[in-house]
Protein backbone atom coordinates (compact mmCIF):
# COMPACT_ATOMS: atom_id res chain seq x y z
CA MET A 1 16.00 -2.16 -12.46
CA THR A 2 19.10 -0.57 -11.03
CA ASP A 3 20.29 -0.64 -7.47
CA GLN A 4 19.20 3.00 -7.18
CA ALA A 5 15.55 2.16 -7.84
CA GLN A 6 13.17 2.94 -5.04
CA ARG A 7 10.51 0.41 -4.09
CA LEU A 8 6.91 1.06 -3.08
CA TRP A 9 4.30 -1.43 -1.94
CA LEU A 10 0.78 -0.06 -2.17
CA MET A 11 -1.86 -2.03 -0.28
CA ARG A 12 -5.60 -1.72 0.12
CA HIS A 13 -6.90 -2.49 3.61
CA GLY A 14 -8.54 -5.86 4.32
CA GLU A 15 -12.28 -6.41 4.06
CA ALA A 16 -14.18 -4.06 6.36
CA GLY A 17 -17.70 -4.23 7.70
CA PRO A 18 -20.38 -1.64 7.02
CA GLY A 19 -20.94 1.30 9.29
CA ARG A 20 -20.82 5.00 9.92
CA PRO A 21 -18.84 7.08 10.17
CA ASP A 22 -16.75 5.65 7.36
CA ASP A 23 -13.43 6.38 9.05
CA GLN A 24 -14.40 4.12 11.99
CA ARG A 25 -15.27 0.97 10.01
CA THR A 26 -13.32 -2.08 11.21
CA LEU A 27 -11.91 -5.20 9.58
CA THR A 28 -14.13 -8.24 9.46
CA PRO A 29 -12.75 -11.63 10.55
CA HIS A 30 -12.36 -12.43 6.83
CA GLY A 31 -10.47 -9.14 6.37
CA GLU A 32 -8.12 -10.07 9.20
CA GLN A 33 -7.42 -13.41 7.48
CA GLU A 34 -6.77 -11.64 4.17
CA VAL A 35 -4.26 -9.32 5.79
CA ALA A 36 -2.54 -12.20 7.61
CA LYS A 37 -1.99 -14.03 4.30
CA VAL A 38 -0.63 -10.98 2.50
CA GLY A 39 1.46 -9.95 5.52
CA ALA A 40 3.16 -13.37 5.71
CA TRP A 41 3.82 -13.32 1.96
CA LEU A 42 5.19 -9.77 2.09
CA ALA A 43 7.44 -10.55 5.07
CA ALA A 44 9.01 -13.42 3.10
CA GLN A 45 9.51 -11.20 0.04
CA ILE A 46 11.13 -8.40 2.00
CA ALA A 47 13.35 -10.80 3.93
CA ALA A 48 14.66 -12.15 0.61
CA GLN A 49 15.63 -8.69 -0.66
CA PRO A 50 18.72 -6.79 0.42
CA GLY A 51 18.29 -3.39 1.98
CA SER A 52 17.01 -1.64 5.03
CA PRO A 53 13.58 -2.44 6.49
CA PRO A 54 10.71 -0.68 4.76
CA ARG A 55 8.88 2.25 6.28
CA LEU A 56 5.19 1.43 6.90
CA LEU A 57 2.60 4.19 6.64
CA ALA A 58 -1.19 3.97 6.89
CA SER A 59 -4.25 6.11 6.43
CA PRO A 60 -5.73 7.33 9.72
CA TYR A 61 -8.95 5.39 9.02
CA ARG A 62 -9.45 2.53 11.49
CA ARG A 63 -9.51 -0.31 8.91
CA ALA A 64 -6.22 0.86 7.38
CA GLN A 65 -4.66 1.21 10.84
CA GLN A 66 -5.78 -2.34 11.72
CA THR A 67 -4.32 -3.64 8.44
CA ALA A 68 -1.04 -1.82 9.04
CA SER A 69 -0.87 -3.09 12.61
CA ARG A 70 -0.99 -6.67 11.34
CA LEU A 71 1.67 -5.91 8.73
CA SER A 72 3.76 -4.26 11.43
CA ALA A 73 3.73 -7.46 13.47
CA ALA A 74 4.67 -9.58 10.42
CA LEU A 75 7.47 -7.23 9.34
CA SER A 76 8.71 -6.06 12.75
CA VAL A 77 8.49 -2.39 11.74
CA PRO A 78 6.47 0.42 13.35
CA VAL A 79 3.36 1.97 11.81
CA GLU A 80 3.24 5.67 11.01
CA THR A 81 0.03 7.52 10.16
CA LEU A 82 -0.05 9.48 6.90
CA PRO A 83 -3.17 11.72 6.76
CA LEU A 84 -3.01 12.33 3.00
CA ILE A 85 -3.83 8.74 1.94
CA THR A 86 -7.55 8.55 2.79
CA PRO A 87 -10.05 7.31 0.17
CA ASP A 88 -10.72 10.62 -1.54
CA ASP A 89 -7.25 12.17 -1.44
CA ALA A 90 -5.57 13.10 -4.71
CA PRO A 91 -2.88 10.81 -6.15
CA GLU A 92 -0.86 13.90 -7.13
CA ALA A 93 -0.59 14.92 -3.46
CA VAL A 94 0.75 11.46 -2.60
CA ILE A 95 3.27 11.63 -5.46
CA ASP A 96 4.40 15.07 -4.24
CA TRP A 97 4.92 13.52 -0.80
CA LEU A 98 6.75 10.49 -2.25
CA VAL A 99 9.20 12.74 -4.11
CA GLU A 100 10.31 14.24 -0.79
CA GLN A 101 11.00 10.87 0.85
CA THR A 102 14.53 9.54 1.21
CA ASP A 103 13.52 5.99 2.19
CA GLU A 104 14.35 3.41 -0.45
CA ARG A 105 11.44 1.16 0.53
CA LEU A 106 7.96 2.30 1.52
CA ILE A 107 4.68 0.52 2.23
CA LEU A 108 1.46 2.55 2.06
CA VAL A 109 -1.81 1.10 3.37
CA SER A 110 -4.79 2.97 2.01
CA HIS A 111 -8.20 2.68 0.31
CA MET A 112 -10.04 2.64 -2.98
CA PRO A 113 -10.31 4.75 -5.03
CA LEU A 114 -6.94 6.28 -4.05
CA VAL A 115 -4.86 3.11 -4.41
CA GLY A 116 -6.20 2.46 -7.91
CA GLU A 117 -5.76 6.04 -9.04
CA LEU A 118 -2.27 6.28 -7.55
CA ALA A 119 -1.17 3.03 -9.19
CA GLU A 120 -2.39 4.16 -12.60
CA THR A 121 -0.83 7.61 -12.23
CA LEU A 122 2.55 6.24 -11.17
CA VAL A 123 2.70 3.83 -14.13
CA ASP A 124 0.72 5.56 -16.90
CA GLY A 125 1.15 9.20 -15.92
CA ARG A 126 -2.58 9.78 -15.61
CA SER A 127 -5.63 8.35 -13.94
CA ALA A 128 -8.65 7.83 -16.13
CA ARG A 129 -10.54 5.56 -13.74
CA GLY A 130 -7.88 3.89 -11.65
CA VAL A 131 -7.21 0.18 -11.52
CA GLY A 132 -9.17 -2.22 -9.34
CA PHE A 133 -7.68 -3.43 -6.07
CA PRO A 134 -9.42 -6.22 -4.19
CA THR A 135 -9.37 -5.97 -0.42
CA ALA A 136 -5.84 -6.65 0.87
CA GLY A 137 -4.54 -6.37 -2.71
CA LEU A 138 -0.87 -5.40 -2.86
CA ALA A 139 1.02 -3.82 -5.76
CA GLU A 140 4.79 -3.54 -5.82
CA PHE A 141 6.42 -0.76 -7.82
CA THR A 142 9.95 0.36 -8.55
CA ALA A 143 11.02 3.73 -9.89
CA PRO A 144 14.17 5.81 -10.26
CA VAL A 145 12.05 8.73 -9.01
CA TRP A 146 8.43 8.95 -7.89
CA ALA A 147 6.74 10.94 -10.64
CA LYS A 148 3.82 10.47 -13.00
CA GLY A 149 4.55 7.71 -15.48
CA CYS A 150 7.95 6.80 -14.01
CA ALA A 151 7.12 3.65 -12.04
CA GLN A 152 7.11 0.04 -13.13
CA LEU A 153 4.66 -2.44 -11.68
CA GLN A 154 6.73 -5.39 -10.50
CA ARG A 155 3.89 -7.58 -9.26
CA PHE A 156 0.37 -7.56 -7.93
CA VAL A 157 -0.93 -10.08 -5.41
CA HIS A 158 -4.16 -10.58 -3.54
CA PRO A 159 -5.20 -12.99 -0.78
CA GLY A 160 -7.01 -15.33 -3.18
CA GLN A 161 -3.68 -16.16 -4.85
CA LEU A 162 -1.94 -17.05 -1.59
CA THR A 163 -2.27 -20.25 0.40
């Protein structure tokens, strides 16, 4: 990895309860605990890396906004809403958006199946089925440019791995 590599953290929201409409589902108490674990871990990782604070963006769906709000508190960065990262959005649209960004470090909080499809597309250049993300799962990628098949997965963590 060179110093010019951009960094992206892609996170699935914490566990959400059932309900309708889908965009109004909220985190469960367990989901809030998952996000707290991952948020504390991520804050320590980011603090240990040189560079400017990351930009934090979330889907407009309530559970993603709640997840991002908890990350925001852990990282001391504001949350922005990004409408094109809802569950059924296309990974190609997200990649097109990523290409236009000048931030070196981005965090996106979204949903399945998008997070799985986007991860696979960034690394493999295509999305056959997407990779599985548990709730509050977090993947870290680096890339010289955000394009299909150009990213490297640096690590993947989920709340069950963290104490």
